[in-house]
Amino acid sequence: MASEPPAQTSRVTRTSSRLTSGPWKRPAALVASVAPSRPRFWEGQDVLARWTDGLLYLGTIKKVDASRQVCLVQFEDNSQFLVLWKDINPAAVPGEEQICCVCYSESVSPENQLVRCEKCGHTYHQECHLPRVLDASSDGAGVLGAWMCRQCVFAVATKRGGALKKGPYAKAMLSMKLVLPYQLKALEWDPAHLTNRQQCYCYCGGPGEWNLKMLQCCSCAQWFHEACTQCLSKPLLYGDRFYVFECCVCTGGPESVRRLPLRWVDVAHLILYHLSICCKKKYFDFEREILPFASENWDNLLLGELSDTPKRDRYSQLLSALSSHKDRWEELL
């Protein structure tokens, strides 16, 4: 059985509108040491910043800290947060259409041409893009004959509850996910393998928090955002680790996922943890909050054999689980 989630973390989840068709930039860790001719970030610059849920949100840079490689970004809801450079995606700069946004070189060869993304305007060498652009003249994203870079494919395909599963964008995303845009073995993890120092997770390379709607691959142990996965039948609940998941890189194709069987104590734990994250409080009324949430989200809980439990029996089962494991709830909350 998967281990239970710990208590709530302090970070909040972004709620402002996200922009799915805006410009992207390759993570800073992948950029060559050759510096661009102009600053990459500046105060007042409009950017897309990747949040821990794997989605991009529109914001404006208020302050740049080059020593720490972070920017203070103000989002559309007027909230301000520090964001790592690798998770900020500025617009393409006019006049740099013939310069690769990864290596900042304009040199080309017959086998390594420059290819321009039709969505964001950034230009890549075929070799600099991951995965490599096999044919610059083909429709790399399979959409209207126009090539789209990895970043834009993810921007269009990722959704709350899971990425697109069908259509040209979903197919393009699957091909992009076969290669990670970073070296997995280079990441420095904590002893429990829940967080890494680089704040680099998932197929997108963005930040994340393992207990806030992420799945851990059973093979490589990396964590993946719900928004970037294409295998879920129902949205994740916060802290839900009752899955056996394998990523595209490890399978060499589509992801695989299997729901673990749940006991009533696991159901109660999952509900309490999810409510504590959503409501930001410790105590909940059983009849007015816990039971109604269970009834309204019964299908999303994916309870397996327990899903056939009649409504009249759910009350006693959940109440019994809560009453019999009081020490566990004190630890959780």
Protein backbone atom coordinates (compact mmCIF):
# COMPACT_ATOMS: atom_id res chain seq x y z
CA MET A 1 0.00 0.00 0.00
CA ALA A 2 1.28 3.44 -0.81
CA SER A 3 2.41 5.49 2.15
CA GLU A 4 0.07 8.12 3.51
CA PRO A 5 0.53 11.82 2.77
CA PRO A 6 1.95 14.02 5.51
CA ALA A 7 0.49 17.23 6.84
CA GLN A 8 -0.33 20.19 4.65
CA THR A 9 2.49 22.30 3.25
CA SER A 10 2.48 26.08 3.40
CA ARG A 11 2.55 26.90 -0.32
CA VAL A 12 -0.71 27.98 -1.93
CA THR A 13 -2.02 26.98 -5.34
CA ARG A 14 -2.31 29.52 -8.14
CA THR A 15 -5.87 30.50 -9.09
CA SER A 16 -5.30 33.22 -11.69
CA SER A 17 -6.11 32.71 -15.35
CA ARG A 18 -3.54 30.79 -17.35
CA LEU A 19 -2.47 31.52 -20.91
CA THR A 20 -2.16 28.45 -23.10
CA SER A 21 -1.13 30.00 -26.38
CA GLY A 22 1.64 32.34 -25.25
CA PRO A 23 5.40 32.23 -25.76
CA TRP A 24 7.72 29.74 -24.09
CA LYS A 25 11.41 29.57 -23.33
CA ARG A 26 13.64 26.56 -22.78
CA PRO A 27 14.66 25.93 -19.13
CA ALA A 28 17.77 27.86 -18.12
CA ALA A 29 19.63 24.70 -17.14
CA LEU A 30 19.65 23.63 -20.78
CA VAL A 31 20.89 26.93 -22.23
CA ALA A 32 24.46 27.00 -23.49
CA SER A 33 27.06 29.09 -21.69
CA VAL A 34 27.12 31.65 -24.52
CA ALA A 35 25.29 34.69 -23.14
CA PRO A 36 22.64 36.46 -25.25
CA SER A 37 23.32 39.98 -26.52
CA ARG A 38 20.61 41.51 -24.33
CA PRO A 39 19.19 40.81 -20.84
CA ARG A 40 16.91 37.81 -20.69
CA PHE A 41 14.67 39.29 -17.99
CA TRP A 42 13.88 42.86 -16.97
CA GLU A 43 11.43 44.70 -14.73
CA GLY A 44 8.03 45.26 -16.35
CA GLN A 45 8.46 42.33 -18.74
CA ASP A 46 5.34 40.23 -19.35
CA VAL A 47 6.10 36.53 -18.99
CA LEU A 48 4.54 33.14 -18.52
CA ALA A 49 5.56 31.50 -15.25
CA ARG A 50 5.15 27.80 -14.58
CA TRP A 51 3.52 27.01 -11.26
CA THR A 52 3.80 23.86 -9.15
CA ASP A 53 0.66 22.42 -10.77
CA GLY A 54 2.48 22.24 -14.12
CA LEU A 55 0.44 25.02 -15.74
CA LEU A 56 1.57 28.41 -17.04
CA TYR A 57 0.24 31.69 -15.66
CA LEU A 58 0.56 35.20 -17.03
CA GLY A 59 2.51 37.67 -14.91
CA THR A 60 4.78 40.72 -14.91
CA ILE A 61 8.32 40.81 -13.57
CA LYS A 62 8.65 43.26 -10.67
CA LYS A 63 12.24 42.53 -9.68
CA VAL A 64 15.18 40.53 -11.08
CA ASP A 65 17.72 38.86 -8.78
CA ALA A 66 20.59 37.68 -10.99
CA SER A 67 22.64 36.31 -8.07
CA ARG A 68 19.90 33.85 -7.13
CA GLN A 69 18.52 33.48 -10.67
CA VAL A 70 14.99 34.29 -9.57
CA CYS A 71 12.41 36.94 -10.45
CA LEU A 72 9.66 38.42 -8.34
CA VAL A 73 6.57 37.98 -10.53
CA GLN A 74 3.19 39.64 -10.00
CA PHE A 75 0.30 37.59 -11.34
CA GLU A 76 -3.10 38.66 -12.62
CA ASP A 77 -4.68 38.28 -9.17
CA ASN A 78 -2.04 40.75 -7.82
CA SER A 79 -0.25 38.04 -5.86
CA GLN A 80 3.56 38.12 -5.99
CA PHE A 81 5.92 35.14 -5.81
CA LEU A 82 9.57 34.41 -6.46
CA VAL A 83 9.98 32.23 -9.56
CA LEU A 84 13.15 30.49 -10.73
CA TRP A 85 14.51 31.61 -14.10
CA LYS A 86 14.10 28.11 -15.50
CA ASP A 87 10.35 28.34 -14.89
CA ILE A 88 9.85 31.72 -16.60
CA ASN A 89 9.08 31.88 -20.29
CA PRO A 90 9.60 35.28 -21.96
CA ALA A 91 8.37 36.25 -25.39
CA ALA A 92 10.60 35.91 -28.44
CA VAL A 93 12.64 39.07 -29.02
CA PRO A 94 12.10 40.68 -32.45
CA GLY A 95 15.16 40.48 -34.66
CA GLU A 96 16.38 37.15 -33.25
CA GLU A 97 14.41 34.93 -35.65
CA GLN A 98 17.66 33.55 -37.09
CA ILE A 99 19.31 32.81 -33.74
CA CYS A 100 18.71 29.60 -31.79
CA CYS A 101 17.09 30.38 -28.43
CA VAL A 102 19.03 27.52 -26.81
CA CYS A 103 22.63 27.95 -27.95
CA TYR A 104 22.33 31.56 -29.23
CA SER A 105 24.09 30.61 -32.45
CA GLU A 106 23.00 31.33 -36.02
CA SER A 107 25.25 28.75 -37.69
CA VAL A 108 23.50 25.93 -39.55
CA SER A 109 24.34 22.79 -41.48
CA PRO A 110 22.34 20.57 -43.85
CA GLU A 111 21.63 18.21 -40.93
CA ASN A 112 20.99 20.93 -38.35
CA GLN A 113 18.78 23.71 -39.69
CA LEU A 114 17.04 26.47 -37.74
CA VAL A 115 13.33 25.84 -37.22
CA ARG A 116 10.88 28.50 -36.06
CA CYS A 117 7.95 27.65 -33.81
CA GLU A 118 4.74 28.90 -35.40
CA LYS A 119 3.14 29.43 -31.99
CA CYS A 120 5.68 31.38 -29.92
CA GLY A 121 8.14 32.61 -32.55
CA HIS A 122 11.23 31.12 -30.90
CA THR A 123 13.81 29.56 -33.20
CA TYR A 124 15.63 26.29 -32.51
CA HIS A 125 18.35 24.24 -34.13
CA GLN A 126 16.99 20.83 -34.98
CA GLU A 127 19.59 19.32 -32.62
CA CYS A 128 18.92 21.82 -29.81
CA HIS A 129 15.23 20.99 -29.51
CA LEU A 130 14.20 18.00 -27.42
CA PRO A 131 13.26 15.72 -28.99
CA ARG A 132 15.29 16.48 -32.11
CA VAL A 133 13.25 17.94 -34.97
CA LEU A 134 13.50 15.16 -37.53
CA ASP A 135 12.20 17.08 -40.53
CA ALA A 136 12.00 20.86 -40.46
CA SER A 137 9.58 20.89 -43.38
CA SER A 138 7.10 18.51 -41.78
CA ASP A 139 4.31 19.30 -39.34
CA GLY A 140 6.18 18.40 -36.18
CA ALA A 141 3.11 18.98 -34.00
CA GLY A 142 0.75 17.53 -36.57
CA VAL A 143 -1.33 20.73 -36.67
CA LEU A 144 -2.09 22.53 -39.95
CA GLY A 145 1.36 21.76 -41.28
CA ALA A 146 2.99 24.13 -38.75
CA TRP A 147 5.82 23.06 -36.47
CA MET A 148 5.39 23.71 -32.74
CA CYS A 149 8.11 23.51 -30.14
CA ARG A 150 7.94 21.30 -27.07
CA GLN A 151 7.03 24.18 -24.79
CA CYS A 152 4.05 25.29 -26.88
CA VAL A 153 2.75 21.74 -27.28
CA PHE A 154 2.68 21.44 -23.48
CA ALA A 155 1.08 24.86 -23.10
CA VAL A 156 -1.79 23.89 -25.38
CA ALA A 157 -2.28 20.29 -24.23
CA THR A 158 -1.96 20.53 -20.44
CA LYS A 159 -5.19 20.90 -18.47
CA ARG A 160 -6.38 20.66 -14.89
CA GLY A 161 -7.40 17.06 -14.32
CA GLY A 162 -5.00 15.76 -16.96
CA ALA A 163 -3.72 16.64 -20.42
CA LEU A 164 -5.56 16.08 -23.69
CA LYS A 165 -5.88 12.40 -24.57
CA LYS A 166 -7.03 12.63 -28.20
CA GLY A 167 -6.29 14.79 -31.21
CA PRO A 168 -3.12 16.14 -32.87
CA TYR A 169 -1.95 18.09 -29.81
CA ALA A 170 -2.26 15.01 -27.60
CA LYS A 171 -0.31 12.94 -30.14
CA ALA A 172 2.40 15.59 -30.39
CA MET A 173 2.62 15.80 -26.61
CA LEU A 174 3.10 12.05 -26.30
CA SER A 175 6.06 12.15 -28.69
CA MET A 176 7.60 15.05 -26.72
CA LYS A 177 7.22 13.17 -23.43
CA LEU A 178 9.44 10.29 -24.54
CA VAL A 179 12.49 12.46 -23.76
CA LEU A 180 12.96 14.51 -20.59
CA PRO A 181 14.36 18.06 -21.03
CA TYR A 182 16.88 17.51 -18.20
CA GLN A 183 19.22 14.86 -16.78
CA LEU A 184 17.23 12.88 -14.23
CA LYS A 185 20.35 11.41 -12.61
CA ALA A 186 21.77 14.90 -12.00
CA LEU A 187 18.93 15.91 -9.66
CA GLU A 188 19.71 16.08 -5.93
CA TRP A 189 16.95 14.54 -3.84
CA ASP A 190 16.04 14.58 -0.17
CA PRO A 191 16.30 11.22 1.71
CA ALA A 192 12.61 10.43 1.14
CA HIS A 193 12.88 11.25 -2.59
CA LEU A 194 10.01 13.72 -2.37
CA THR A 195 11.76 16.95 -3.38
CA ASN A 196 14.93 17.84 -5.29
CA ARG A 197 17.15 20.89 -4.86
CA GLN A 198 16.78 21.96 -8.50
CA GLN A 199 12.96 22.04 -8.26
CA CYS A 200 12.81 20.10 -11.52
CA TYR A 201 10.01 17.60 -12.04
CA CYS A 202 7.79 15.97 -14.61
CA TYR A 203 8.08 15.97 -18.41
CA CYS A 204 7.96 19.77 -18.42
CA GLY A 205 10.90 20.33 -16.06
CA GLY A 206 8.83 22.72 -13.95
CA PRO A 207 8.54 23.00 -10.15
CA GLY A 208 6.21 20.85 -8.13
CA GLU A 209 5.01 19.64 -4.74
CA TRP A 210 4.59 15.90 -4.54
CA ASN A 211 1.47 16.01 -2.36
CA LEU A 212 -0.39 18.56 -4.53
CA LYS A 213 -1.73 16.46 -7.40
CA MET A 214 1.38 14.67 -8.60
CA LEU A 215 2.08 11.02 -9.43
CA GLN A 216 5.36 9.22 -8.75
CA CYS A 217 6.70 6.86 -11.40
CA CYS A 218 7.23 3.38 -9.95
CA SER A 219 10.31 2.86 -12.16
CA CYS A 220 12.33 6.11 -12.15
CA ALA A 221 10.77 7.60 -8.94
CA GLN A 222 10.36 11.05 -10.57
CA TRP A 223 7.19 13.04 -9.81
CA PHE A 224 4.79 14.11 -12.58
CA HIS A 225 2.08 16.80 -12.61
CA GLU A 226 -1.53 15.75 -13.01
CA ALA A 227 -1.84 18.43 -15.72
CA CYS A 228 0.91 16.80 -17.81
CA THR A 229 -0.35 13.20 -17.58
CA GLN A 230 -2.68 11.66 -20.16
CA CYS A 231 -3.67 8.43 -18.39
CA LEU A 232 -6.00 9.48 -15.57
CA SER A 233 -9.70 8.67 -15.77
CA LYS A 234 -10.59 11.03 -12.91
CA PRO A 235 -8.93 14.14 -11.43
CA LEU A 236 -6.50 13.54 -8.57
CA LEU A 237 -7.30 14.45 -5.00
CA TYR A 238 -4.59 16.22 -3.02
CA GLY A 239 -2.15 13.76 -1.50
CA ASP A 240 -3.58 10.75 -3.35
CA ARG A 241 -0.72 8.23 -3.59
CA PHE A 242 -2.89 5.18 -4.08
CA TYR A 243 -1.71 4.62 -7.66
CA VAL A 244 0.93 2.57 -9.47
CA PHE A 245 2.11 4.88 -12.25
CA GLU A 246 4.80 4.49 -14.92
CA CYS A 247 5.88 7.43 -17.07
CA CYS A 248 6.30 7.58 -20.85
CA VAL A 249 10.10 7.56 -20.63
CA CYS A 250 10.10 4.30 -18.66
CA THR A 251 7.44 2.59 -20.76
CA GLY A 252 8.86 3.86 -24.06
CA GLY A 253 5.31 4.81 -25.06
CA PRO A 254 2.02 5.78 -23.37
CA GLU A 255 1.88 6.06 -19.59
CA SER A 256 0.39 3.29 -17.50
CA VAL A 257 -1.60 3.71 -14.30
CA ARG A 258 -3.34 1.31 -11.93
CA ARG A 259 -5.50 2.21 -8.94
CA LEU A 260 -4.56 0.53 -5.67
CA PRO A 261 -7.35 -0.95 -3.53
CA LEU A 262 -8.51 1.31 -0.71
CA ARG A 263 -9.70 0.48 2.81
CA TRP A 264 -12.21 2.65 4.62
CA VAL A 265 -9.44 4.15 6.74
CA ASP A 266 -7.66 5.14 3.51
CA VAL A 267 -10.83 6.76 2.19
CA ALA A 268 -11.24 8.75 5.39
CA HIS A 269 -7.58 9.78 5.30
CA LEU A 270 -7.81 10.91 1.68
CA ILE A 271 -10.95 12.97 2.31
CA LEU A 272 -9.54 14.66 5.42
CA TYR A 273 -6.25 15.48 3.75
CA HIS A 274 -7.93 16.89 0.64
CA LEU A 275 -10.29 19.01 2.72
CA SER A 276 -7.43 20.32 4.87
CA ILE A 277 -5.61 21.54 1.74
CA CYS A 278 -8.71 23.06 0.12
CA CYS A 279 -10.23 24.65 3.22
CA LYS A 280 -6.99 25.46 5.06
CA LYS A 281 -8.29 24.35 8.42
CA LYS A 282 -7.82 21.39 10.75
CA TYR A 283 -11.24 20.31 11.96
CA PHE A 284 -14.34 19.28 9.99
CA ASP A 285 -17.89 18.42 10.91
CA PHE A 286 -18.69 14.85 9.90
CA GLU A 287 -22.31 15.31 8.82
CA ARG A 288 -21.99 18.80 7.31
CA GLU A 289 -18.57 18.51 5.60
CA ILE A 290 -17.00 15.04 5.46
CA LEU A 291 -20.02 12.96 4.47
CA PRO A 292 -21.34 15.45 1.86
CA PHE A 293 -17.87 15.64 0.26
CA ALA A 294 -17.70 11.85 0.07
CA SER A 295 -21.14 11.65 -1.56
CA GLU A 296 -20.46 14.43 -4.06
CA ASN A 297 -17.08 12.98 -5.06
CA TRP A 298 -17.86 9.29 -4.77
CA ASP A 299 -16.93 8.48 -8.39
CA ASN A 300 -13.74 10.57 -8.27
CA LEU A 301 -12.48 8.59 -5.28
CA LEU A 302 -12.22 5.44 -7.47
CA LEU A 303 -12.91 3.14 -4.54
CA GLY A 304 -12.92 -0.18 -6.39
CA GLU A 305 -14.87 -2.77 -4.42
CA LEU A 306 -16.01 -0.13 -1.91
CA SER A 307 -17.70 1.89 -4.67
CA ASP A 308 -20.77 -0.38 -4.53
CA THR A 309 -21.41 0.48 -0.87
CA PRO A 310 -25.00 1.77 -0.49
CA LYS A 311 -25.38 5.35 0.70
CA ARG A 312 -27.00 4.21 3.93
CA ASP A 313 -23.84 2.21 4.83
CA ARG A 314 -21.26 4.87 3.95
CA TYR A 315 -22.14 6.86 7.06
CA SER A 316 -21.34 4.05 9.50
CA GLN A 317 -18.23 2.87 7.63
CA LEU A 318 -16.62 6.31 7.47
CA LEU A 319 -17.60 7.16 11.05
CA SER A 320 -16.13 3.87 12.26
CA ALA A 321 -12.87 4.49 10.38
CA LEU A 322 -12.59 7.98 11.87
CA SER A 323 -13.37 6.79 15.39
CA SER A 324 -10.97 3.84 15.28
CA HIS A 325 -7.87 5.73 14.15
CA LYS A 326 -7.87 8.96 16.17
CA ASP A 327 -4.09 8.97 16.56
CA ARG A 328 -3.71 8.93 12.80
CA TRP A 329 -5.92 12.01 12.34
CA GLU A 330 -4.06 13.92 15.05
CA GLU A 331 -0.83 13.21 13.13
CA LEU A 332 -2.38 14.23 9.84
CA LEU A 333 -3.98 17.50 10.99
